[in-house]
Every structure is written in C-alpha cells, then in structure tokens.
PDB file of N, CA and C in Angstrom:
ATOM      1  N   MET A   1     -20.568  -6.871  68.929  1.00  0.00           N
ATOM      2  CA  MET A   1     -21.077  -7.322  68.376  1.00  0.00           C
ATOM      3  C   MET A   1     -20.156  -7.695  67.157  1.00  0.00           C
ATOM      4  N   GLU A   2     -20.452  -8.533  66.272  1.00  0.00           N
ATOM      5  CA  GLU A   2     -19.198  -9.400  64.960  1.00  0.00           C
ATOM      6  C   GLU A   2     -19.481  -8.511  64.142  1.00  0.00           C
ATOM      7  N   ASN A   3     -17.753  -8.186  63.588  1.00  0.00           N
ATOM      8  CA  ASN A   3     -18.616  -7.396  62.183  1.00  0.00           C
ATOM      9  C   ASN A   3     -18.285  -8.685  60.453  1.00  0.00           C
ATOM     10  N   ILE A   4     -19.461  -8.467  59.818  1.00  0.00           N
ATOM     11  CA  ILE A   4     -19.635  -9.736  58.940  1.00  0.00           C
ATOM     12  C   ILE A   4     -18.639  -8.787  57.811  1.00  0.00           C
ATOM     13  N   LYS A   5     -17.397  -9.510  57.467  1.00  0.00           N
ATOM     14  CA  LYS A   5     -16.638  -9.614  56.490  1.00  0.00           C
ATOM     15  C   LYS A   5     -17.802 -10.865  54.946  1.00  0.00           C
ATOM     16  N   LEU A   6     -16.830  -9.877  53.910  1.00  0.00           N
ATOM     17  CA  LEU A   6     -17.797 -10.169  52.802  1.00  0.00           C
ATOM     18  C   LEU A   6     -16.538 -10.735  52.178  1.00  0.00           C
ATOM     19  N   LEU A   7     -16.983 -12.391  51.360  1.00  0.00           N
ATOM     20  CA  LEU A   7     -15.305 -13.169  51.013  1.00  0.00           C
ATOM     21  C   LEU A   7     -15.681 -13.536  49.461  1.00  0.00           C
ATOM     22  N   TYR A   8     -15.000 -14.175  49.587  1.00  0.00           N
ATOM     23  CA  TYR A   8     -15.331 -14.416  47.590  1.00  0.00           C
ATOM     24  C   TYR A   8     -14.526 -15.065  47.361  1.00  0.00           C
ATOM     25  N   ALA A   9     -14.649 -16.422  46.363  1.00  0.00           N
ATOM     26  CA  ALA A   9     -14.315 -17.048  46.355  1.00  0.00           C
ATOM     27  C   ALA A   9     -14.536 -17.956  44.409  1.00  0.00           C
ATOM     28  N   THR A  10     -13.769 -18.745  44.139  1.00  0.00           N
ATOM     29  CA  THR A  10     -13.830 -19.329  42.503  1.00  0.00           C
ATOM     30  C   THR A  10     -14.167 -20.566  42.903  1.00  0.00           C
ATOM     31  N   LEU A  11     -15.262 -20.864  42.317  1.00  0.00           N
ATOM     32  CA  LEU A  11     -15.007 -22.910  43.077  1.00  0.00           C
ATOM     33  C   LEU A  11     -15.928 -23.214  41.343  1.00  0.00           C
ATOM     34  N   ASP A  12     -14.591 -24.206  40.833  1.00  0.00           N
ATOM     35  CA  ASP A  12     -15.652 -25.285  39.122  1.00  0.00           C
ATOM     36  C   ASP A  12     -16.089 -24.071  38.448  1.00  0.00           C
ATOM     37  N   GLY A  13     -14.744 -23.104  38.322  1.00  0.00           N
ATOM     38  CA  GLY A  13     -14.852 -21.958  37.356  1.00  0.00           C
ATOM     39  C   GLY A  13     -16.330 -20.968  37.869  1.00  0.00           C
ATOM     40  N   LYS A  14     -17.131 -20.831  38.977  1.00  0.00           N
ATOM     41  CA  LYS A  14     -17.871 -19.908  39.115  1.00  0.00           C
ATOM     42  C   LYS A  14     -17.397 -18.915  40.390  1.00  0.00           C
ATOM     43  N   LYS A  15     -17.831 -18.327  40.121  1.00  0.00           N
ATOM     44  CA  LYS A  15     -17.521 -17.544  41.128  1.00  0.00           C
ATOM     45  C   LYS A  15     -18.524 -17.012  42.264  1.00  0.00           C
ATOM     46  N   ILE A  16     -17.966 -17.552  43.465  1.00  0.00           N
ATOM     47  CA  ILE A  16     -18.838 -17.071  45.453  1.00  0.00           C
ATOM     48  C   ILE A  16     -18.722 -16.063  45.901  1.00  0.00           C
ATOM     49  N   ALA A  17     -20.015 -15.490  46.061  1.00  0.00           N
ATOM     50  CA  ALA A  17     -19.505 -14.277  47.378  1.00  0.00           C
ATOM     51  C   ALA A  17     -20.325 -14.640  48.419  1.00  0.00           C
ATOM     52  N   TYR A  18     -19.748 -15.163  49.525  1.00  0.00           N
ATOM     53  CA  TYR A  18     -20.177 -15.332  50.730  1.00  0.00           C
ATOM     54  C   TYR A  18     -20.011 -14.479  51.758  1.00  0.00           C
ATOM     55  N   CYS A  19     -20.262 -14.529  53.359  1.00  0.00           N
ATOM     56  CA  CYS A  19     -20.345 -13.573  54.082  1.00  0.00           C
ATOM     57  C   CYS A  19     -19.542 -14.742  55.124  1.00  0.00           C
ATOM     58  N   SER A  20     -19.252 -13.982  56.332  1.00  0.00           N
ATOM     59  CA  SER A  20     -18.939 -14.988  57.676  1.00  0.00           C
ATOM     60  C   SER A  20     -19.710 -15.270  58.692  1.00  0.00           C
ATOM     61  N   GLU A  21     -21.247 -15.337  58.066  1.00  0.00           N
ATOM     62  CA  GLU A  21     -22.151 -15.825  58.864  1.00  0.00           C
ATOM     63  C   GLU A  21     -22.747 -16.587  58.244  1.00  0.00           C
ATOM     64  N   THR A  22     -22.460 -17.279  56.565  1.00  0.00           N
ATOM     65  CA  THR A  22     -23.114 -18.020  55.596  1.00  0.00           C
ATOM     66  C   THR A  22     -23.301 -19.748  56.272  1.00  0.00           C
ATOM     67  N   THR A  23     -24.131 -20.099  56.124  1.00  0.00           N
ATOM     68  CA  THR A  23     -23.774 -21.692  56.429  1.00  0.00           C
ATOM     69  C   THR A  23     -23.753 -22.175  55.393  1.00  0.00           C
ATOM     70  N   PHE A  24     -22.546 -23.566  55.540  1.00  0.00           N
ATOM     71  CA  PHE A  24     -22.477 -24.290  54.092  1.00  0.00           C
ATOM     72  C   PHE A  24     -23.241 -25.784  55.403  1.00  0.00           C
ATOM     73  N   LEU A  25     -23.830 -26.492  54.206  1.00  0.00           N
ATOM     74  CA  LEU A  25     -24.118 -27.946  54.694  1.00  0.00           C
ATOM     75  C   LEU A  25     -23.953 -28.929  53.658  1.00  0.00           C
ATOM     76  N   ILE A  26     -22.750 -30.238  54.463  1.00  0.00           N
ATOM     77  CA  ILE A  26     -21.976 -30.960  54.008  1.00  0.00           C
ATOM     78  C   ILE A  26     -22.920 -32.124  54.486  1.00  0.00           C
ATOM     79  N   GLN A  27     -23.947 -33.190  52.867  1.00  0.00           N
ATOM     80  CA  GLN A  27     -25.169 -33.746  53.481  1.00  0.00           C
ATOM     81  C   GLN A  27     -24.799 -34.742  52.304  1.00  0.00           C
ATOM     82  N   ILE A  28     -25.354 -35.686  53.192  1.00  0.00           N
ATOM     83  CA  ILE A  28     -26.294 -37.403  52.343  1.00  0.00           C
ATOM     84  C   ILE A  28     -26.697 -38.365  52.631  1.00  0.00           C
ATOM     85  N   GLY A  29     -26.916 -39.085  51.327  1.00  0.00           N
ATOM     86  CA  GLY A  29     -28.067 -39.385  51.321  1.00  0.00           C
ATOM     87  C   GLY A  29     -27.858 -40.705  50.266  1.00  0.00           C
ATOM     88  N   LYS A  30     -28.827 -42.223  50.423  1.00  0.00           N
ATOM     89  CA  LYS A  30     -28.219 -43.469  50.077  1.00  0.00           C
ATOM     90  C   LYS A  30     -30.180 -43.220  48.879  1.00  0.00           C
ATOM     91  N   GLY A  31     -29.665 -44.098  48.100  1.00  0.00           N
ATOM     92  CA  GLY A  31     -30.417 -44.404  46.626  1.00  0.00           C
ATOM     93  C   GLY A  31     -31.678 -43.054  46.481  1.00  0.00           C
ATOM     94  N   LYS A  32     -32.710 -43.438  46.472  1.00  0.00           N
ATOM     95  CA  LYS A  32     -33.733 -42.595  46.126  1.00  0.00           C
ATOM     96  C   LYS A  32     -33.788 -41.263  47.423  1.00  0.00           C
ATOM     97  N   SER A  33     -33.807 -41.707  48.686  1.00  0.00           N
ATOM     98  CA  SER A  33     -33.846 -41.559  49.743  1.00  0.00           C
ATOM     99  C   SER A  33     -33.037 -39.955  49.396  1.00  0.00           C
ATOM    100  N   SER A  34     -34.268 -39.053  51.015  1.00  0.00           N
ATOM    101  CA  SER A  34     -33.581 -37.297  51.075  1.00  0.00           C
ATOM    102  C   SER A  34     -32.122 -37.358  51.714  1.00  0.00           C
ATOM    103  N   TYR A  35     -31.713 -36.537  51.602  1.00  0.00           N
ATOM    104  CA  TYR A  35     -30.549 -35.882  51.695  1.00  0.00           C
ATOM    105  C   TYR A  35     -30.664 -35.556  53.505  1.00  0.00           C
ATOM    106  N   LYS A  36     -29.473 -35.903  54.382  1.00  0.00           N
ATOM    107  CA  LYS A  36     -29.958 -35.829  55.335  1.00  0.00           C
ATOM    108  C   LYS A  36     -28.572 -34.786  56.284  1.00  0.00           C
ATOM    109  N   THR A  37     -28.515 -34.238  57.147  1.00  0.00           N
ATOM    110  CA  THR A  37     -27.086 -33.435  57.390  1.00  0.00           C
ATOM    111  C   THR A  37     -26.430 -34.362  57.561  1.00  0.00           C
ATOM    112  N   LYS A  38     -25.082 -34.063  57.616  1.00  0.00           N
ATOM    113  CA  LYS A  38     -24.343 -34.505  58.655  1.00  0.00           C
ATOM    114  C   LYS A  38     -23.422 -33.512  59.062  1.00  0.00           C
ATOM    115  N   TYR A  39     -23.013 -32.240  58.257  1.00  0.00           N
ATOM    116  CA  TYR A  39     -21.696 -31.071  58.950  1.00  0.00           C
ATOM    117  C   TYR A  39     -22.378 -29.802  58.858  1.00  0.00           C
ATOM    118  N   THR A  40     -22.468 -28.594  59.464  1.00  0.00           N
ATOM    119  CA  THR A  40     -22.927 -27.870  59.291  1.00  0.00           C
ATOM    120  C   THR A  40     -21.868 -26.836  59.581  1.00  0.00           C
ATOM    121  N   ILE A  41     -21.539 -25.753  58.450  1.00  0.00           N
ATOM    122  CA  ILE A  41     -19.981 -25.040  59.136  1.00  0.00           C
ATOM    123  C   ILE A  41     -20.567 -23.732  58.459  1.00  0.00           C
ATOM    124  N   ASN A  42     -20.318 -22.931  59.270  1.00  0.00           N
ATOM    125  CA  ASN A  42     -21.023 -21.879  59.046  1.00  0.00           C
ATOM    126  C   ASN A  42     -19.407 -20.828  59.034  1.00  0.00           C
ATOM    127  N   GLY A  43     -19.059 -19.911  57.346  1.00  0.00           N
ATOM    128  CA  GLY A  43     -18.414 -18.739  57.704  1.00  0.00           C
ATOM    129  C   GLY A  43     -17.401 -19.334  56.510  1.00  0.00           C
ATOM    130  N   ASN A  44     -16.745 -21.047  56.470  1.00  0.00           N
ATOM    131  CA  ASN A  44     -15.897 -20.834  56.017  1.00  0.00           C
ATOM    132  C   ASN A  44     -15.317 -21.728  55.284  1.00  0.00           C
ATOM    133  N   LEU A  45     -15.787 -21.238  53.551  1.00  0.00           N
ATOM    134  CA  LEU A  45     -15.920 -22.409  52.507  1.00  0.00           C
ATOM    135  C   LEU A  45     -15.202 -23.626  52.447  1.00  0.00           C
ATOM    136  N   GLY A  46     -13.594 -23.286  52.628  1.00  0.00           N
ATOM    137  CA  GLY A  46     -12.205 -24.014  52.674  1.00  0.00           C
ATOM    138  C   GLY A  46     -12.691 -25.470  53.572  1.00  0.00           C
ATOM    139  N   LEU A  47     -12.761 -24.769  54.751  1.00  0.00           N
ATOM    140  CA  LEU A  47     -13.369 -26.115  55.848  1.00  0.00           C
ATOM    141  C   LEU A  47     -14.334 -26.934  55.060  1.00  0.00           C
ATOM    142  N   ALA A  48     -15.122 -25.823  55.007  1.00  0.00           N
ATOM    143  CA  ALA A  48     -16.572 -26.743  53.913  1.00  0.00           C
ATOM    144  C   ALA A  48     -16.038 -28.132  52.888  1.00  0.00           C
ATOM    145  N   LEU A  49     -15.491 -27.535  52.182  1.00  0.00           N
ATOM    146  CA  LEU A  49     -15.060 -28.015  51.611  1.00  0.00           C
ATOM    147  C   LEU A  49     -14.207 -29.041  51.533  1.00  0.00           C
ATOM    148  N   MET A  50     -13.223 -28.735  52.477  1.00  0.00           N
ATOM    149  CA  MET A  50     -11.964 -29.562  53.486  1.00  0.00           C
ATOM    150  C   MET A  50     -13.203 -31.009  53.885  1.00  0.00           C
ATOM    151  N   TYR A  51     -13.899 -30.806  54.831  1.00  0.00           N
ATOM    152  CA  TYR A  51     -15.302 -31.693  55.429  1.00  0.00           C
ATOM    153  C   TYR A  51     -16.001 -32.280  53.500  1.00  0.00           C
ATOM    154  N   TYR A  52     -16.445 -32.081  53.001  1.00  0.00           N
ATOM    155  CA  TYR A  52     -16.755 -32.378  51.659  1.00  0.00           C
ATOM    156  C   TYR A  52     -16.347 -33.403  50.983  1.00  0.00           C
ATOM    157  N   GLU A  53     -14.520 -33.198  50.913  1.00  0.00           N
ATOM    158  CA  GLU A  53     -14.307 -34.401  49.688  1.00  0.00           C
ATOM    159  C   GLU A  53     -13.515 -35.400  50.938  1.00  0.00           C
ATOM    160  N   GLY A  54     -13.704 -35.153  52.115  1.00  0.00           N
ATOM    161  CA  GLY A  54     -13.455 -36.201  53.552  1.00  0.00           C
ATOM    162  C   GLY A  54     -13.959 -37.455  52.943  1.00  0.00           C
ATOM    163  N   ILE A  55     -15.881 -36.787  52.827  1.00  0.00           N
ATOM    164  CA  ILE A  55     -16.345 -37.933  53.005  1.00  0.00           C
ATOM    165  C   ILE A  55     -16.033 -39.220  51.644  1.00  0.00           C
ATOM    166  N   ASN A  56     -16.292 -40.237  52.390  1.00  0.00           N
ATOM    167  CA  ASN A  56     -15.982 -41.786  51.145  1.00  0.00           C
ATOM    168  C   ASN A  56     -17.371 -42.134  51.029  1.00  0.00           C
ATOM    169  N   ILE A  57     -17.666 -41.935  49.598  1.00  0.00           N
ATOM    170  CA  ILE A  57     -19.292 -42.735  49.326  1.00  0.00           C
ATOM    171  C   ILE A  57     -19.488 -43.636  49.242  1.00  0.00           C
ATOM    172  N   GLY A  58     -19.517 -44.767  49.738  1.00  0.00           N
ATOM    173  CA  GLY A  58     -19.593 -46.375  48.993  1.00  0.00           C
ATOM    174  C   GLY A  58     -20.769 -46.703  47.930  1.00  0.00           C
ATOM    175  N   ASN A  59     -21.275 -47.704  47.727  1.00  0.00           N
ATOM    176  CA  ASN A  59     -22.085 -48.025  46.689  1.00  0.00           C
ATOM    177  C   ASN A  59     -23.556 -47.846  46.875  1.00  0.00           C
ATOM    178  N   GLY A  60     -23.985 -47.012  46.033  1.00  0.00           N
ATOM    179  CA  GLY A  60     -25.404 -46.292  46.163  1.00  0.00           C
ATOM    180  C   GLY A  60     -25.875 -44.738  47.307  1.00  0.00           C
ATOM    181  N   TYR A  61     -24.313 -44.403  47.439  1.00  0.00           N
ATOM    182  CA  TYR A  61     -24.493 -43.221  48.435  1.00  0.00           C
ATOM    183  C   TYR A  61     -24.916 -42.254  47.487  1.00  0.00           C
ATOM    184  N   LYS A  62     -24.600 -40.953  47.960  1.00  0.00           N
ATOM    185  CA  LYS A  62     -24.582 -39.753  47.315  1.00  0.00           C
ATOM    186  C   LYS A  62     -24.167 -38.288  48.352  1.00  0.00           C
ATOM    187  N   LYS A  63     -23.855 -37.249  48.214  1.00  0.00           N
ATOM    188  CA  LYS A  63     -23.208 -36.302  48.942  1.00  0.00           C
ATOM    189  C   LYS A  63     -23.194 -34.750  47.989  1.00  0.00           C
ATOM    190  N   ARG A  64     -23.822 -33.995  48.939  1.00  0.00           N
ATOM    191  CA  ARG A  64     -23.372 -32.666  48.389  1.00  0.00           C
ATOM    192  C   ARG A  64     -23.430 -31.577  49.498  1.00  0.00           C
ATOM    193  N   LEU A  65     -22.486 -30.924  48.826  1.00  0.00           N
ATOM    194  CA  LEU A  65     -22.189 -29.396  49.408  1.00  0.00           C
ATOM    195  C   LEU A  65     -23.913 -28.190  49.058  1.00  0.00           C
ATOM    196  N   LEU A  66     -24.123 -27.550  49.857  1.00  0.00           N
ATOM    197  CA  LEU A  66     -25.308 -26.863  49.956  1.00  0.00           C
ATOM    198  C   LEU A  66     -25.501 -25.658  50.298  1.00  0.00           C
ATOM    199  N   VAL A  67     -25.890 -24.565  49.983  1.00  0.00           N
ATOM    200  CA  VAL A  67     -26.173 -22.989  51.010  1.00  0.00           C
ATOM    201  C   VAL A  67     -27.136 -23.216  50.740  1.00  0.00           C
ATOM    202  N   PRO A  68     -27.910 -23.259  51.285  1.00  0.00           N
ATOM    203  CA  PRO A  68     -29.599 -22.939  51.594  1.00  0.00           C
ATOM    204  C   PRO A  68     -30.165 -21.137  51.271  1.00  0.00           C
ATOM    205  N   SER A  69     -28.664 -20.733  51.913  1.00  0.00           N
ATOM    206  CA  SER A  69     -29.080 -19.448  51.636  1.00  0.00           C
ATOM    207  C   SER A  69     -28.885 -18.605  49.679  1.00  0.00           C
ATOM    208  N   PHE A  70     -28.499 -18.993  49.307  1.00  0.00           N
ATOM    209  CA  PHE A  70     -28.040 -18.839  48.124  1.00  0.00           C
ATOM    210  C   PHE A  70     -29.391 -19.311  46.617  1.00  0.00           C
ATOM    211  N   ASN A  71     -28.929 -18.119  45.489  1.00  0.00           N
ATOM    212  CA  ASN A  71     -30.679 -18.211  44.668  1.00  0.00           C
ATOM    213  C   ASN A  71     -30.231 -19.823  43.753  1.00  0.00           C
ATOM    214  N   LYS A  72     -29.052 -20.019  43.864  1.00  0.00           N
ATOM    215  CA  LYS A  72     -28.487 -21.917  43.205  1.00  0.00           C
ATOM    216  C   LYS A  72     -28.038 -22.069  44.405  1.00  0.00           C
ATOM    217  N   PRO A  73     -28.727 -23.211  45.719  1.00  0.00           N
ATOM    218  CA  PRO A  73     -28.076 -23.347  46.164  1.00  0.00           C
ATOM    219  C   PRO A  73     -26.700 -24.538  46.184  1.00  0.00           C
ATOM    220  N   LEU A  74     -27.120 -25.333  45.539  1.00  0.00           N
ATOM    221  CA  LEU A  74     -26.198 -26.776  45.275  1.00  0.00           C
ATOM    222  C   LEU A  74     -24.639 -25.597  44.590  1.00  0.00           C
ATOM    223  N   LEU A  75     -23.750 -26.057  45.577  1.00  0.00           N
ATOM    224  CA  LEU A  75     -22.001 -26.044  45.337  1.00  0.00           C
ATOM    225  C   LEU A  75     -21.574 -27.282  44.690  1.00  0.00           C
ATOM    226  N   ALA A  76     -22.074 -28.510  45.503  1.00  0.00           N
ATOM    227  CA  ALA A  76     -21.391 -29.697  44.802  1.00  0.00           C
ATOM    228  C   ALA A  76     -22.470 -30.985  44.899  1.00  0.00           C
ATOM    229  N   ARG A  77     -21.926 -31.448  44.312  1.00  0.00           N
ATOM    230  CA  ARG A  77     -22.764 -33.189  43.959  1.00  0.00           C
ATOM    231  C   ARG A  77     -21.896 -34.330  43.306  1.00  0.00           C
ATOM    232  N   GLU A  78     -21.765 -35.420  44.263  1.00  0.00           N
ATOM    233  CA  GLU A  78     -21.454 -36.172  43.318  1.00  0.00           C
ATOM    234  C   GLU A  78     -22.338 -37.777  43.890  1.00  0.00           C
ATOM    235  N   PHE A  79     -22.416 -38.320  42.753  1.00  0.00           N
ATOM    236  CA  PHE A  79     -22.713 -39.734  43.446  1.00  0.00           C
ATOM    237  C   PHE A  79     -21.611 -41.195  43.291  1.00  0.00           C
ATOM    238  N   SER A  80     -21.788 -41.994  44.063  1.00  0.00           N
ATOM    239  CA  SER A  80     -21.533 -43.293  43.627  1.00  0.00           C
ATOM    240  C   SER A  80     -22.417 -44.725  42.576  1.00  0.00           C
TER     241      SER A  80
END
C-alpha cells in the first residue's frame, strides 16, 4: 500500500492543496465545442503545468487545466 502525501503549491497567487492521488486533466477544445482530454497526470502539478504550457494552440482553439475533485476545478484556461 502506497502512502498518500499531501502537497501544497501556489498558482497565480492561489494556494492549492492536493495529494499524490490527485488527477490533473489537460484538455483542448475548438470553437464552441466541448473540451477533450489530451493528457491525464496523477499527483504531479509541476508535470501537469509543463504539459499545459507546452501545448501551442492555434486560431479558434482553447486549452484548460482541470482538477475534477476540487471545489473550483478550473486551474488555468487560455483561448486563441
């Protein structure tokens, strides 16, 4: 059985508490359509942010970093 670690981070001035089992979703959408999950990362906010920042979005596209288990699940969003 793996030990669950509680981790803390600050993102855009907001304090975030998450655990080693937290699921981070990086999603991409186009226009007014819904988002589709491109990457799923467990327990590593730094890696999730690296993947999120590494996605270049073109005209009409959008991306977001989401954590479904949070009360306010949207961590970051960008439109082109």
